[in-house]
C-alpha atoms as a PDB file:
ATOM      1  CA  MET A   1       0.000   0.000   0.000  1.00  0.00           C
ATOM      2  CA  LYS A   2       1.527   3.283  -1.095  1.00  0.00           C
ATOM      3  CA  THR A   3       0.610   6.800  -2.079  1.00  0.00           C
ATOM      4  CA  VAL A   4      -1.083   6.582  -5.465  1.00  0.00           C
ATOM      5  CA  ALA A   5       1.445   6.579  -8.290  1.00  0.00           C
ATOM      6  CA  ARG A   6      -0.145   7.788 -11.512  1.00  0.00           C
ATOM      7  CA  ASP A   7       2.717   6.501 -13.669  1.00  0.00           C
ATOM      8  CA  ARG A   8       2.319   2.916 -12.444  1.00  0.00           C
ATOM      9  CA  SER A   9       0.667   0.508 -14.877  1.00  0.00           C
ATOM     10  CA  ARG A  10      -3.020   0.271 -14.048  1.00  0.00           C
ATOM     11  CA  ALA A  11      -2.850  -3.451 -14.713  1.00  0.00           C
ATOM     12  CA  THR A  12      -0.719  -3.884 -11.585  1.00  0.00           C
ATOM     13  CA  VAL A  13      -3.089  -2.047  -9.229  1.00  0.00           C
ATOM     14  CA  ALA A  14      -6.361  -3.517  -7.992  1.00  0.00           C
ATOM     15  CA  LEU A  15      -7.428  -0.525  -5.900  1.00  0.00           C
ATOM     16  CA  ALA A  16      -6.233   3.070  -6.060  1.00  0.00           C
ATOM     17  CA  VAL A  17      -7.514   5.843  -3.812  1.00  0.00           C
ATOM     18  CA  SER A  18      -6.528   9.478  -4.274  1.00  0.00           C
ATOM     19  CA  GLY A  19      -7.422  12.434  -2.066  1.00  0.00           C
ATOM     20  CA  LEU A  20     -10.304  10.540  -0.484  1.00  0.00           C
ATOM     21  CA  THR A  21     -12.405  12.647   1.866  1.00  0.00           C
ATOM     22  CA  SER A  22     -15.616  11.442   3.499  1.00  0.00           C
ATOM     23  CA  GLY A  23     -17.604  11.552   6.708  1.00  0.00           C
ATOM     24  CA  TYR A  24     -21.030  11.640   8.287  1.00  0.00           C
ATOM     25  CA  ALA A  25     -23.645  14.416   8.300  1.00  0.00           C
ATOM     26  CA  GLY A  26     -21.165  16.852   6.807  1.00  0.00           C
ATOM     27  CA  ALA A  27     -18.478  16.154   9.417  1.00  0.00           C
ATOM     28  CA  LYS A  28     -15.248  14.967   7.817  1.00  0.00           C
ATOM     29  CA  VAL A  29     -13.664  11.753   9.073  1.00  0.00           C
ATOM     30  CA  LEU A  30     -11.207  11.084   6.243  1.00  0.00           C
ATOM     31  CA  HIS A  31      -8.923  13.884   5.098  1.00  0.00           C
ATOM     32  CA  GLY A  32      -7.424  13.333   1.656  1.00  0.00           C
ATOM     33  CA  VAL A  33      -6.383   9.688   1.978  1.00  0.00           C
ATOM     34  CA  ASN A  34      -4.092   8.254  -0.715  1.00  0.00           C
ATOM     35  CA  LEU A  35      -3.312   4.558  -1.080  1.00  0.00           C
ATOM     36  CA  GLU A  36      -3.058   1.759  -3.563  1.00  0.00           C
ATOM     37  CA  VAL A  37      -3.243  -2.007  -3.277  1.00  0.00           C
ATOM     38  CA  PRO A  38      -1.342  -4.032  -5.905  1.00  0.00           C
ATOM     39  CA  THR A  39      -3.184  -6.749  -7.773  1.00  0.00           C
ATOM     40  CA  GLY A  40      -2.749 -10.014  -5.892  1.00  0.00           C
ATOM     41  CA  GLY A  41      -1.253  -8.219  -2.908  1.00  0.00           C
ATOM     42  CA  ALA A  42      -2.387  -7.961   0.690  1.00  0.00           C
ATOM     43  CA  SER A  43      -2.406  -4.624   2.500  1.00  0.00           C
ATOM     44  CA  CYS A  44      -3.449  -3.810   6.042  1.00  0.00           C
ATOM     45  CA  VAL A  45      -4.569  -0.568   7.648  1.00  0.00           C
ATOM     46  CA  VAL A  46      -3.839  -0.276  11.361  1.00  0.00           C
ATOM     47  CA  GLY A  47      -4.196   2.351  14.062  1.00  0.00           C
ATOM     48  CA  ARG A  48      -6.017   3.183  17.254  1.00  0.00           C
ATOM     49  CA  ASN A  49      -9.794   2.959  17.526  1.00  0.00           C
ATOM     50  CA  GLY A  50     -11.758   5.873  16.101  1.00  0.00           C
ATOM     51  CA  MET A  51      -9.116   6.943  13.593  1.00  0.00           C
ATOM     52  CA  GLY A  52     -11.260   6.394  10.475  1.00  0.00           C
ATOM     53  CA  LYS A  53     -10.145   2.930   9.393  1.00  0.00           C
ATOM     54  CA  SER A  54     -13.626   1.447   9.072  1.00  0.00           C
ATOM     55  CA  THR A  55     -14.893   4.633   7.438  1.00  0.00           C
ATOM     56  CA  LEU A  56     -12.185   4.220   4.809  1.00  0.00           C
ATOM     57  CA  LEU A  57     -13.415   0.747   3.896  1.00  0.00           C
ATOM     58  CA  LYS A  58     -17.062   1.820   3.920  1.00  0.00           C
ATOM     59  CA  THR A  59     -16.289   4.759   1.643  1.00  0.00           C
ATOM     60  CA  ILE A  60     -14.420   2.553  -0.812  1.00  0.00           C
ATOM     61  CA  PHE A  61     -17.390   0.163  -0.899  1.00  0.00           C
ATOM     62  CA  GLY A  62     -19.919   2.962  -1.376  1.00  0.00           C
ATOM     63  CA  LEU A  63     -21.542   2.774   2.055  1.00  0.00           C
ATOM     64  CA  VAL A  64     -20.360   6.222   3.170  1.00  0.00           C
ATOM     65  CA  PRO A  65     -20.713   9.180   0.764  1.00  0.00           C
ATOM     66  CA  ARG A  66     -17.535  10.426  -0.826  1.00  0.00           C
ATOM     67  CA  MET A  67     -17.038  14.181  -0.343  1.00  0.00           C
ATOM     68  CA  ALA A  68     -13.927  14.441  -2.499  1.00  0.00           C
ATOM     69  CA  GLY A  69     -11.281  12.305  -4.129  1.00  0.00           C
ATOM     70  CA  GLU A  70     -11.133   9.390  -6.533  1.00  0.00           C
ATOM     71  CA  VAL A  71     -11.451   5.622  -6.246  1.00  0.00           C
ATOM     72  CA  GLU A  72     -10.235   3.376  -9.058  1.00  0.00           C
ATOM     73  CA  LEU A  73     -11.049  -0.320  -9.140  1.00  0.00           C
ATOM     74  CA  PHE A  74      -9.053  -2.543 -11.484  1.00  0.00           C
ATOM     75  CA  GLY A  75      -8.086   0.504 -13.521  1.00  0.00           C
ATOM     76  CA  SER A  76     -11.588   1.980 -13.866  1.00  0.00           C
ATOM     77  CA  ALA A  77     -12.780   5.021 -11.926  1.00  0.00           C
ATOM     78  CA  LEU A  78     -15.794   4.558  -9.671  1.00  0.00           C
ATOM     79  CA  ASP A  79     -18.361   7.318  -9.750  1.00  0.00           C
ATOM     80  CA  ALA A  80     -19.021   8.798  -6.306  1.00  0.00           C
ATOM     81  CA  LYS A  81     -22.604   7.550  -6.561  1.00  0.00           C
ATOM     82  CA  THR A  82     -21.683   3.938  -7.362  1.00  0.00           C
ATOM     83  CA  ARG A  83     -23.681   1.711  -5.027  1.00  0.00           C
ATOM     84  CA  PRO A  84     -22.339  -1.274  -3.059  1.00  0.00           C
ATOM     85  CA  HIS A  85     -24.210  -3.879  -5.136  1.00  0.00           C
ATOM     86  CA  SER A  86     -22.609  -2.486  -8.285  1.00  0.00           C
ATOM     87  CA  ILE A  87     -19.160  -2.595  -6.695  1.00  0.00           C
ATOM     88  CA  ALA A  88     -19.782  -6.178  -5.583  1.00  0.00           C
ATOM     89  CA  ARG A  89     -20.646  -7.154  -9.156  1.00  0.00           C
ATOM     90  CA  ARG A  90     -17.213  -5.923 -10.197  1.00  0.00           C
ATOM     91  CA  GLY A  91     -15.578  -8.641  -8.132  1.00  0.00           C
ATOM     92  CA  VAL A  92     -15.379  -7.092  -4.660  1.00  0.00           C
ATOM     93  CA  ALA A  93     -16.424  -8.782  -1.413  1.00  0.00           C
ATOM     94  CA  TYR A  94     -16.671  -6.735   1.784  1.00  0.00           C
ATOM     95  CA  ILE A  95     -16.952  -8.224   5.273  1.00  0.00           C
ATOM     96  CA  ALA A  96     -17.858  -5.461   7.701  1.00  0.00           C
ATOM     97  CA  GLN A  97     -16.887  -5.410  11.368  1.00  0.00           C
ATOM     98  CA  GLU A  98     -20.530  -5.353  12.400  1.00  0.00           C
ATOM     99  CA  GLN A  99     -21.699  -7.766   9.710  1.00  0.00           C
ATOM    100  CA  ALA A 100     -23.992 -10.487  11.004  1.00  0.00           C
ATOM    101  CA  LEU A 101     -25.129 -13.844   9.768  1.00  0.00           C
ATOM    102  CA  PHE A 102     -28.734 -14.899   9.348  1.00  0.00           C
ATOM    103  CA  GLY A 103     -28.962 -16.723  12.653  1.00  0.00           C
ATOM    104  CA  ASP A 104     -32.293 -18.350  11.868  1.00  0.00           C
ATOM    105  CA  LEU A 105     -30.990 -19.793   8.595  1.00  0.00           C
ATOM    106  CA  THR A 106     -28.749 -22.819   8.184  1.00  0.00           C
ATOM    107  CA  VAL A 107     -25.103 -22.684   7.189  1.00  0.00           C
ATOM    108  CA  GLU A 108     -26.084 -23.742   3.679  1.00  0.00           C
ATOM    109  CA  GLU A 109     -28.815 -21.117   3.442  1.00  0.00           C
ATOM    110  CA  ASN A 110     -26.409 -18.395   4.567  1.00  0.00           C
ATOM    111  CA  ILE A 111     -24.089 -19.401   1.750  1.00  0.00           C
ATOM    112  CA  SER A 112     -26.867 -19.690  -0.832  1.00  0.00           C
ATOM    113  CA  VAL A 113     -27.982 -16.068  -0.394  1.00  0.00           C
ATOM    114  CA  ALA A 114     -24.484 -14.908  -1.366  1.00  0.00           C
ATOM    115  CA  LEU A 115     -24.013 -17.070  -4.458  1.00  0.00           C
ATOM    116  CA  ARG A 116     -23.717 -15.684  -7.954  1.00  0.00           C
ATOM    117  CA  GLU A 117     -26.424 -16.896 -10.320  1.00  0.00           C
ATOM    118  CA  SER A 118     -23.856 -19.022 -12.161  1.00  0.00           C
ATOM    119  CA  LEU A 119     -23.091 -21.069  -9.032  1.00  0.00           C
ATOM    120  CA  SER A 120     -25.351 -23.818  -7.733  1.00  0.00           C
ATOM    121  CA  VAL A 121     -25.779 -24.383  -4.015  1.00  0.00           C
ATOM    122  CA  GLU A 122     -23.871 -27.662  -4.282  1.00  0.00           C
ATOM    123  CA  GLU A 123     -20.981 -25.957  -6.058  1.00  0.00           C
ATOM    124  CA  GLY A 124     -20.964 -23.235  -3.441  1.00  0.00           C
ATOM    125  CA  MET A 125     -20.998 -25.676  -0.549  1.00  0.00           C
ATOM    126  CA  ALA A 126     -18.197 -27.675  -2.160  1.00  0.00           C
ATOM    127  CA  ARG A 127     -16.081 -24.529  -2.145  1.00  0.00           C
ATOM    128  CA  VAL A 128     -17.040 -23.771   1.450  1.00  0.00           C
ATOM    129  CA  THR A 129     -16.165 -27.305   2.537  1.00  0.00           C
ATOM    130  CA  GLU A 130     -12.776 -26.955   0.878  1.00  0.00           C
ATOM    131  CA  LEU A 131     -12.186 -23.751   2.837  1.00  0.00           C
ATOM    132  CA  PHE A 132     -13.583 -24.965   6.155  1.00  0.00           C
ATOM    133  CA  PRO A 133     -14.421 -28.698   6.333  1.00  0.00           C
ATOM    134  CA  LYS A 134     -16.220 -28.146   9.633  1.00  0.00           C
ATOM    135  CA  LEU A 135     -18.803 -25.950   7.886  1.00  0.00           C
ATOM    136  CA  GLY A 136     -19.453 -28.664   5.351  1.00  0.00           C
ATOM    137  CA  GLU A 137     -20.190 -31.067   8.174  1.00  0.00           C
ATOM    138  CA  ARG A 138     -22.605 -28.556   9.701  1.00  0.00           C
ATOM    139  CA  ARG A 139     -24.343 -27.340   6.557  1.00  0.00           C
ATOM    140  CA  ALA A 140     -27.782 -28.097   8.031  1.00  0.00           C
ATOM    141  CA  GLN A 141     -27.055 -26.442  11.387  1.00  0.00           C
ATOM    142  CA  MET A 142     -28.618 -23.090  12.230  1.00  0.00           C
ATOM    143  CA  ALA A 143     -25.973 -20.385  11.944  1.00  0.00           C
ATOM    144  CA  GLY A 144     -27.031 -18.815  15.224  1.00  0.00           C
ATOM    145  CA  THR A 145     -26.038 -21.963  17.105  1.00  0.00           C
ATOM    146  CA  LEU A 146     -22.446 -21.972  15.819  1.00  0.00           C
ATOM    147  CA  SER A 147     -19.609 -20.913  18.082  1.00  0.00           C
ATOM    148  CA  GLY A 148     -18.131 -17.443  17.660  1.00  0.00           C
ATOM    149  CA  GLY A 149     -15.167 -18.825  15.751  1.00  0.00           C
ATOM    150  CA  GLU A 150     -17.380 -20.902  13.484  1.00  0.00           C
ATOM    151  CA  GLN A 151     -19.538 -17.873  12.738  1.00  0.00           C
ATOM    152  CA  LYS A 152     -16.438 -15.942  11.646  1.00  0.00           C
ATOM    153  CA  MET A 153     -15.484 -18.883   9.445  1.00  0.00           C
ATOM    154  CA  LEU A 154     -18.941 -18.727   7.874  1.00  0.00           C
ATOM    155  CA  LEU A 155     -18.658 -14.980   7.313  1.00  0.00           C
ATOM    156  CA  LEU A 156     -15.303 -15.426   5.599  1.00  0.00           C
ATOM    157  CA  ALA A 157     -16.556 -18.387   3.582  1.00  0.00           C
ATOM    158  CA  ARG A 158     -19.540 -16.334   2.429  1.00  0.00           C
ATOM    159  CA  GLY A 159     -17.147 -13.608   1.301  1.00  0.00           C
ATOM    160  CA  LEU A 160     -14.841 -16.023  -0.524  1.00  0.00           C
ATOM    161  CA  VAL A 161     -17.360 -18.399  -2.094  1.00  0.00           C
ATOM    162  CA  ASN A 162     -17.621 -16.366  -5.322  1.00  0.00           C
ATOM    163  CA  ARG A 163     -13.814 -16.065  -5.491  1.00  0.00           C
ATOM    164  CA  PRO A 164     -13.674 -12.261  -5.494  1.00  0.00           C
ATOM    165  CA  GLN A 165     -10.850 -10.369  -7.100  1.00  0.00           C
ATOM    166  CA  LEU A 166     -10.702  -8.007  -4.117  1.00  0.00           C
ATOM    167  CA  LEU A 167     -11.586  -8.984  -0.550  1.00  0.00           C
ATOM    168  CA  ILE A 168     -12.096  -6.170   1.973  1.00  0.00           C
ATOM    169  CA  LEU A 169     -11.989  -7.201   5.639  1.00  0.00           C
ATOM    170  CA  ASP A 170     -12.816  -5.128   8.697  1.00  0.00           C
ATOM    171  CA  GLU A 171     -11.538  -6.626  11.968  1.00  0.00           C
ATOM    172  CA  ILE A 172     -12.111 -10.228  10.878  1.00  0.00           C
ATOM    173  CA  THR A 173     -10.167 -11.544  13.901  1.00  0.00           C
ATOM    174  CA  GLU A 174     -11.990  -9.544  16.577  1.00  0.00           C
ATOM    175  CA  GLY A 175     -12.800 -11.699  19.600  1.00  0.00           C
ATOM    176  CA  LEU A 176     -11.258 -14.880  18.191  1.00  0.00           C
ATOM    177  CA  GLN A 177      -9.010 -17.445  19.826  1.00  0.00           C
ATOM    178  CA  PRO A 178      -5.419 -17.669  18.476  1.00  0.00           C
ATOM    179  CA  SER A 179      -6.119 -21.049  16.861  1.00  0.00           C
ATOM    180  CA  VAL A 180      -9.006 -19.616  14.830  1.00  0.00           C
ATOM    181  CA  ARG A 181      -6.963 -16.562  13.857  1.00  0.00           C
ATOM    182  CA  HIS A 182      -4.250 -18.889  12.592  1.00  0.00           C
ATOM    183  CA  LEU A 183      -6.797 -20.869  10.571  1.00  0.00           C
ATOM    184  CA  LEU A 184      -8.229 -17.723   8.969  1.00  0.00           C
ATOM    185  CA  ARG A 185      -4.752 -16.526   8.045  1.00  0.00           C
ATOM    186  CA  GLU A 186      -3.951 -19.882   6.441  1.00  0.00           C
ATOM    187  CA  VAL A 187      -7.181 -19.824   4.434  1.00  0.00           C
ATOM    188  CA  LEU A 188      -6.526 -16.283   3.220  1.00  0.00           C
ATOM    189  CA  ALA A 189      -2.944 -17.127   2.267  1.00  0.00           C
ATOM    190  CA  ASP A 190      -4.187 -20.161   0.349  1.00  0.00           C
ATOM    191  CA  GLN A 191      -6.759 -18.078  -1.554  1.00  0.00           C
ATOM    192  CA  ARG A 192      -4.109 -15.548  -2.488  1.00  0.00           C
ATOM    193  CA  GLU A 193      -1.845 -18.283  -3.797  1.00  0.00           C
ATOM    194  CA  LYS A 194      -4.528 -20.173  -5.730  1.00  0.00           C
ATOM    195  CA  TYR A 195      -6.656 -17.336  -7.102  1.00  0.00           C
ATOM    196  CA  LYS A 196      -4.457 -14.228  -6.778  1.00  0.00           C
ATOM    197  CA  THR A 197      -7.070 -12.692  -4.488  1.00  0.00           C
ATOM    198  CA  THR A 198      -6.225  -9.122  -3.514  1.00  0.00           C
ATOM    199  CA  VAL A 199      -6.816  -8.336   0.166  1.00  0.00           C
ATOM    200  CA  LEU A 200      -7.335  -5.033   1.974  1.00  0.00           C
ATOM    201  CA  ALA A 201      -7.743  -5.531   5.714  1.00  0.00           C
ATOM    202  CA  VAL A 202      -8.301  -3.280   8.698  1.00  0.00           C
ATOM    203  CA  GLU A 203      -6.895  -4.980  11.791  1.00  0.00           C
ATOM    204  CA  GLN A 204      -6.280  -4.279  15.461  1.00  0.00           C
ATOM    205  CA  ASP A 205      -4.284  -7.501  15.797  1.00  0.00           C
ATOM    206  CA  LEU A 206      -0.974  -6.366  14.339  1.00  0.00           C
ATOM    207  CA  GLU A 207       0.643  -9.776  14.678  1.00  0.00           C
ATOM    208  CA  PHE A 208      -2.092 -11.235  12.450  1.00  0.00           C
ATOM    209  CA  ALA A 209      -1.978  -8.249  10.103  1.00  0.00           C
ATOM    210  CA  PHE A 210       1.769  -8.393   9.594  1.00  0.00           C
ATOM    211  CA  SER A 211       1.724 -12.167   9.040  1.00  0.00           C
ATOM    212  CA  LEU A 212      -0.975 -11.737   6.382  1.00  0.00           C
ATOM    213  CA  ALA A 213      -0.034  -8.536   4.564  1.00  0.00           C
ATOM    214  CA  ASP A 214       2.809  -7.459   2.302  1.00  0.00           C
ATOM    215  CA  ASP A 215       2.542  -3.818   3.307  1.00  0.00           C
ATOM    216  CA  PHE A 216       0.802  -1.640   5.854  1.00  0.00           C
ATOM    217  CA  ALA A 217      -0.490   1.850   6.485  1.00  0.00           C
ATOM    218  CA  VAL A 218      -1.036   3.519   9.835  1.00  0.00           C
ATOM    219  CA  MET A 219      -4.096   5.759  10.076  1.00  0.00           C
ATOM    220  CA  SER A 220      -4.419   8.562  12.608  1.00  0.00           C
ATOM    221  CA  VAL A 221      -7.281  11.072  12.768  1.00  0.00           C
ATOM    222  CA  GLY A 222      -8.420  10.329   9.227  1.00  0.00           C
ATOM    223  CA  GLU A 223      -4.990  10.499   7.616  1.00  0.00           C
ATOM    224  CA  ILE A 224      -2.347   7.945   6.710  1.00  0.00           C
ATOM    225  CA  VAL A 225       0.727   8.881   8.711  1.00  0.00           C
ATOM    226  CA  LYS A 226       3.065   5.994   7.923  1.00  0.00           C
ATOM    227  CA  THR A 227       3.413   3.266   5.300  1.00  0.00           C
ATOM    228  CA  GLY A 228       5.877   0.446   4.849  1.00  0.00           C
ATOM    229  CA  PHE A 229       6.529  -3.161   3.949  1.00  0.00           C
ATOM    230  CA  THR A 230       5.738  -5.627   6.694  1.00  0.00           C
ATOM    231  CA  ARG A 231       8.964  -7.540   6.075  1.00  0.00           C
ATOM    232  CA  GLU A 232      10.953  -4.427   6.964  1.00  0.00           C
ATOM    233  CA  HIS A 233       9.218  -3.634  10.266  1.00  0.00           C
ATOM    234  CA  ARG A 234       8.493  -5.470  13.482  1.00  0.00           C
ATOM    235  CA  TRP A 235       4.808  -5.402  14.301  1.00  0.00           C
ATOM    236  CA  LYS A 236       5.586  -4.812  17.977  1.00  0.00           C
ATOM    237  CA  ASP A 237       7.488  -1.623  17.135  1.00  0.00           C
ATOM    238  CA  VAL A 238       4.632  -0.293  15.003  1.00  0.00           C
ATOM    239  CA  ALA A 239       2.137  -1.188  17.731  1.00  0.00           C
ATOM    240  CA  LEU A 240       4.189   0.567  20.391  1.00  0.00           C
ATOM    241  CA  GLU A 241       4.578   3.746  18.346  1.00  0.00           C
ATOM    242  CA  PHE A 242       1.181   4.084  16.700  1.00  0.00           C
ATOM    243  CA  VAL A 243      -1.400   1.752  18.208  1.00  0.00           C
ATOM    244  CA  SER A 244      -0.780   1.176  21.904  1.00  0.00           C
ATOM    245  CA  VAL A 245      -2.484   3.656  24.207  1.00  0.00           C
END
């Protein structure tokens, strides 16, 4: 993730954001954010709570109105009025921090509502079972009766079942045990390797974020204040300087 470089080949960039400003009820939360995520890469945005990280993802996905700036997806500019369903049709999956499952539907039914028309339920469940065998075993179980970790698996499976080109994650590891975090990281790494899935993740767990991502950006008060490659920085140092209270 870097400041947008206009001379870089558009074919190498999945997501480019330039001068992005947005907020709520006229109050600005983001102040001219610039970033880009390379095609097939994984980038994480970190920082303290309330710094605008989730607002950034929501603005990219069309859930929060854009006040200024540009968003390019796979080399094509998105109009400020582009709606989330239109962005999703372009190959983007977004898993929000507050996103919930349909607790009164089964695992299979939760997957079926997310499937593209070209995918049958059986094809979708085969993909889900490959990702998380436990979900395949529990396809007839009500989603609301799954454990917290299993529900996060189902959320991620629902986001990955259509094999998106860009996966946007907001605090996917929140409240999870280390073993489940490790499993999610392994699944995401596998999807990147097999399908060249591009990932943009907001994370409070810097250890997870740095093990997943190639590069990172630190957000503070609606601005990106530091960027770098994860291989060149220790997550503990970044946490101590920018995230720890």
